[in-house]
Amino acid sequence: MATTRFAPSPTGLLHLGHARAALFAWRHGTRCLLRLEDIDPARCQPEYAAGIMEDLAWLSLVPHGPVRVQSQHLKEYRAVLDGLARLGPALQDAMVQVMERLRPAVQQAAARIRQRPERVAARQRLAEVAAAREELLALRMRAFRKGQRWGTSFIDAAREAHWAKQAQAEEVQQRKYVLGMTEAELRAILKQEKAAHQMRELLEQRAAAKFKGPSPGM
């Protein structure tokens, strides 16, 4: 049985990011608990806490249990902290021993993950893409410094288009894996990056147009 929790801070009204986090918590847990992080008395207001409860009810998100209000449990937390402070060095030594016992298992698990075929292939592919981009940038910079206009043969243009297509596909997979975002959101990001790249290309072309000279030899 998986128990999740949603813990907003009543320093303002809920926004779309809060709503997404709340929906995620309710959908991925058999039980979802609500905790109000009202430990900042200067910013947290009762009306905001009431607004959070009202918005969650409007979204049909009902917590599976009583709402925990953090400000009502500060004495309990202080008692635990005082107990830990009294332990002092003994607690620190115990934590170090636990970490040392866990270190080999954690390192082995990390090594197994890094050696998975898909991870190795992805790292190699990204390294190749980065190297190709660096090479292309170096060629353009040399041509620019010599006052030459940048020209590409059909083979160069096809190779560059191939690299760009492969890089875009792998960036979608990598970011989707790391960020957990939807494909539509990733494509929107890539579209923005493509527009920025095109703007950089336009600026390079305008700068190169100031110079006259033959294109680099094939």
Protein backbone atom coordinates (compact mmCIF):
# COMPACT_ATOMS: atom_id res chain seq x y z
CA MET A 1 0.00 0.00 0.00
CA ALA A 2 1.58 3.28 -1.15
CA THR A 3 0.96 6.41 0.90
CA THR A 4 1.65 9.78 -0.71
CA ARG A 5 1.28 13.28 0.63
CA PHE A 6 0.61 16.79 -0.58
CA ALA A 7 2.18 19.49 1.59
CA PRO A 8 1.43 23.04 0.38
CA SER A 9 2.47 26.13 2.29
CA PRO A 10 -0.43 28.57 2.90
CA THR A 11 1.52 31.64 1.81
CA GLY A 12 -0.81 32.23 -1.11
CA LEU A 13 -3.50 30.67 -3.27
CA LEU A 14 -2.97 27.44 -5.18
CA HIS A 15 -1.69 27.74 -8.74
CA LEU A 16 -1.49 25.25 -11.62
CA GLY A 17 1.79 23.78 -10.36
CA HIS A 18 0.16 22.99 -7.02
CA ALA A 19 -2.82 21.44 -8.77
CA ARG A 20 -0.56 19.21 -10.88
CA ALA A 21 1.42 18.07 -7.82
CA ALA A 22 -1.80 17.35 -5.92
CA LEU A 23 -3.30 15.33 -8.79
CA PHE A 24 -0.06 13.36 -9.10
CA ALA A 25 -0.06 12.55 -5.38
CA TRP A 26 -3.71 11.47 -5.37
CA ARG A 27 -3.36 9.32 -8.50
CA HIS A 28 -0.17 7.52 -7.51
CA GLY A 29 -1.06 6.54 -3.98
CA THR A 30 -3.68 4.30 -2.46
CA ARG A 31 -3.75 6.81 0.40
CA CYS A 32 -2.92 10.52 0.14
CA LEU A 33 -2.37 12.69 3.20
CA LEU A 34 -2.55 16.47 3.38
CA ARG A 35 -0.08 18.50 5.44
CA LEU A 36 -0.12 22.28 5.74
CA GLU A 37 3.38 23.72 6.07
CA ASP A 38 2.39 26.83 8.03
CA ILE A 39 5.70 27.25 9.88
CA ASP A 40 6.36 30.76 8.54
CA PRO A 41 4.06 32.97 10.64
CA ALA A 42 5.11 36.10 8.78
CA ARG A 43 3.80 34.81 5.43
CA CYS A 44 1.26 32.08 6.19
CA GLN A 45 -2.31 33.27 6.59
CA PRO A 46 -5.47 31.41 7.72
CA GLU A 47 -7.41 32.61 4.68
CA TYR A 48 -4.85 31.00 2.39
CA ALA A 49 -5.16 27.71 4.27
CA ALA A 50 -8.93 27.89 3.90
CA GLY A 51 -8.52 28.65 0.21
CA ILE A 52 -6.31 25.59 -0.26
CA MET A 53 -8.91 23.34 1.34
CA GLU A 54 -11.65 24.88 -0.80
CA ASP A 55 -9.67 24.44 -4.04
CA LEU A 56 -8.81 20.80 -3.24
CA ALA A 57 -12.47 20.10 -2.53
CA TRP A 58 -13.38 21.70 -5.87
CA LEU A 59 -10.88 19.31 -7.53
CA SER A 60 -12.57 16.40 -5.68
CA LEU A 61 -9.31 15.65 -3.85
CA VAL A 62 -10.25 14.53 -0.36
CA PRO A 63 -7.36 13.56 1.97
CA HIS A 64 -7.35 10.05 3.43
CA GLY A 65 -7.06 11.11 7.03
CA PRO A 66 -6.97 14.22 9.20
CA VAL A 67 -5.13 17.27 7.89
CA ARG A 68 -1.82 17.74 9.69
CA VAL A 69 -1.09 21.37 10.50
CA GLN A 70 2.61 21.73 11.17
CA SER A 71 2.32 24.73 13.53
CA GLN A 72 0.31 22.55 15.93
CA HIS A 73 3.20 20.09 16.36
CA LEU A 74 6.17 22.39 16.92
CA LYS A 75 6.56 21.27 20.55
CA GLU A 76 6.81 17.64 19.44
CA TYR A 77 9.49 18.51 16.90
CA ARG A 78 11.42 20.54 19.48
CA ALA A 79 11.39 17.60 21.89
CA VAL A 80 12.81 15.29 19.21
CA LEU A 81 15.51 17.82 18.27
CA ASP A 82 16.49 18.23 21.91
CA GLY A 83 16.79 14.46 22.24
CA LEU A 84 19.02 14.26 19.18
CA ALA A 85 21.15 17.12 20.51
CA ARG A 86 21.68 15.24 23.76
CA LEU A 87 22.94 12.21 21.85
CA GLY A 88 25.56 14.40 20.19
CA PRO A 89 28.67 12.52 19.06
CA ALA A 90 27.08 9.11 19.65
CA LEU A 91 24.43 9.82 17.01
CA GLN A 92 27.02 11.14 14.56
CA ASP A 93 29.17 8.03 14.99
CA ALA A 94 26.15 5.77 14.46
CA MET A 95 25.19 7.61 11.26
CA VAL A 96 28.75 7.34 9.93
CA GLN A 97 28.77 3.60 10.60
CA VAL A 98 25.45 3.13 8.81
CA MET A 99 26.68 5.13 5.81
CA GLU A 100 29.89 3.13 5.64
CA ARG A 101 27.94 -0.15 5.68
CA LEU A 102 25.66 1.06 2.91
CA ARG A 103 28.38 2.60 0.74
CA PRO A 104 29.49 -0.63 -1.07
CA ALA A 105 25.90 -1.62 -1.91
CA VAL A 106 25.12 1.88 -3.21
CA GLN A 107 28.29 1.96 -5.32
CA GLN A 108 27.55 -1.46 -6.81
CA ALA A 109 23.97 -0.47 -7.65
CA ALA A 110 25.18 2.78 -9.29
CA ALA A 111 27.79 0.86 -11.31
CA ARG A 112 25.17 -1.62 -12.55
CA ILE A 113 22.92 1.22 -13.66
CA ARG A 114 25.77 3.01 -15.47
CA GLN A 115 26.72 -0.19 -17.30
CA ARG A 116 23.26 -0.90 -18.69
CA PRO A 117 23.53 -1.17 -22.49
CA GLU A 118 21.01 1.58 -23.14
CA ARG A 119 22.84 3.95 -20.77
CA VAL A 120 26.23 3.21 -22.36
CA ALA A 121 24.83 3.65 -25.88
CA ALA A 122 23.11 6.91 -24.92
CA ARG A 123 26.31 8.34 -23.42
CA GLN A 124 28.32 7.38 -26.49
CA ARG A 125 25.74 8.85 -28.83
CA LEU A 126 25.54 12.12 -26.92
CA ALA A 127 29.33 12.35 -26.91
CA GLU A 128 29.37 11.88 -30.70
CA VAL A 129 26.71 14.55 -31.15
CA ALA A 130 28.62 16.98 -28.93
CA ALA A 131 31.86 16.30 -30.83
CA ALA A 132 30.16 16.86 -34.20
CA ARG A 133 28.65 20.13 -33.01
CA GLU A 134 32.02 21.32 -31.71
CA GLU A 135 33.67 20.45 -35.02
CA LEU A 136 31.01 22.27 -37.02
CA LEU A 137 31.28 25.33 -34.77
CA ALA A 138 35.08 25.35 -35.13
CA LEU A 139 34.81 25.26 -38.93
CA ARG A 140 32.37 28.14 -38.95
CA MET A 141 34.51 30.20 -36.58
CA ARG A 142 37.63 29.68 -38.74
CA ALA A 143 35.72 30.74 -41.85
CA PHE A 144 34.31 33.77 -40.05
CA ARG A 145 37.74 34.88 -38.81
CA LYS A 146 39.18 34.57 -42.32
CA GLY A 147 36.42 36.78 -43.66
CA GLN A 148 34.94 33.99 -45.73
CA ARG A 149 31.30 33.19 -46.20
CA TRP A 150 30.23 29.83 -44.89
CA GLY A 151 29.22 27.35 -47.56
CA THR A 152 28.39 23.66 -47.31
CA SER A 153 28.39 20.93 -49.87
CA PHE A 154 25.43 18.62 -50.32
CA ILE A 155 27.18 15.93 -48.27
CA ASP A 156 27.97 18.39 -45.44
CA ALA A 157 24.38 19.62 -45.39
CA ALA A 158 23.00 16.05 -45.33
CA ARG A 159 25.40 15.09 -42.53
CA GLU A 160 24.43 18.12 -40.48
CA ALA A 161 20.71 17.44 -40.95
CA HIS A 162 21.25 13.81 -39.90
CA TRP A 163 23.08 14.82 -36.72
CA ALA A 164 20.41 17.40 -35.87
CA LYS A 165 17.60 14.87 -36.33
CA GLN A 166 19.36 12.22 -34.22
CA ALA A 167 20.24 14.73 -31.52
CA GLN A 168 16.66 15.99 -31.30
CA ALA A 169 15.26 12.47 -30.97
CA GLU A 170 17.74 11.57 -28.25
CA GLU A 171 17.17 14.83 -26.39
CA VAL A 172 13.45 14.03 -26.28
CA GLN A 173 14.13 10.58 -24.79
CA GLN A 174 16.76 11.80 -22.33
CA ARG A 175 14.71 14.71 -21.05
CA LYS A 176 11.57 12.63 -20.86
CA TYR A 177 13.48 10.10 -18.75
CA VAL A 178 15.13 12.67 -16.49
CA LEU A 179 12.40 15.25 -16.08
CA GLY A 180 9.35 13.01 -16.33
CA MET A 181 7.62 15.55 -18.55
CA THR A 182 5.04 14.79 -21.20
CA GLU A 183 6.08 14.55 -24.84
CA ALA A 184 3.98 17.59 -25.72
CA GLU A 185 5.81 19.70 -23.13
CA LEU A 186 9.18 18.49 -24.39
CA ARG A 187 8.30 19.27 -27.98
CA ALA A 188 7.29 22.78 -26.93
CA ILE A 189 10.70 23.24 -25.29
CA LEU A 190 12.49 21.91 -28.36
CA LYS A 191 10.48 24.27 -30.56
CA GLN A 192 11.66 27.21 -28.46
CA GLU A 193 15.25 26.01 -28.63
CA LYS A 194 14.97 25.58 -32.40
CA ALA A 195 13.77 29.16 -32.71
CA ALA A 196 16.72 30.36 -30.61
CA HIS A 197 19.10 28.30 -32.76
CA GLN A 198 17.64 29.79 -35.94
CA MET A 199 18.11 33.27 -34.51
CA ARG A 200 21.77 32.51 -33.80
CA GLU A 201 22.16 31.21 -37.37
CA LEU A 202 20.60 34.41 -38.74
CA LEU A 203 22.98 36.56 -36.70
CA GLU A 204 25.96 34.53 -37.97
CA GLN A 205 24.79 34.93 -41.57
CA ARG A 206 24.39 38.68 -41.18
CA ALA A 207 27.84 38.96 -39.64
CA ALA A 208 29.39 36.81 -42.39
CA ALA A 209 27.62 38.82 -45.09
CA LYS A 210 29.81 41.81 -44.21
CA PHE A 211 32.81 39.94 -45.54
CA LYS A 212 33.45 39.10 -49.17
CA GLY A 213 35.48 36.15 -50.24
CA PRO A 214 35.33 32.66 -51.67
CA SER A 215 33.65 29.84 -49.78
CA PRO A 216 35.92 27.36 -47.97
CA GLY A 217 37.35 24.68 -50.28
CA MET A 218 35.62 21.33 -50.38
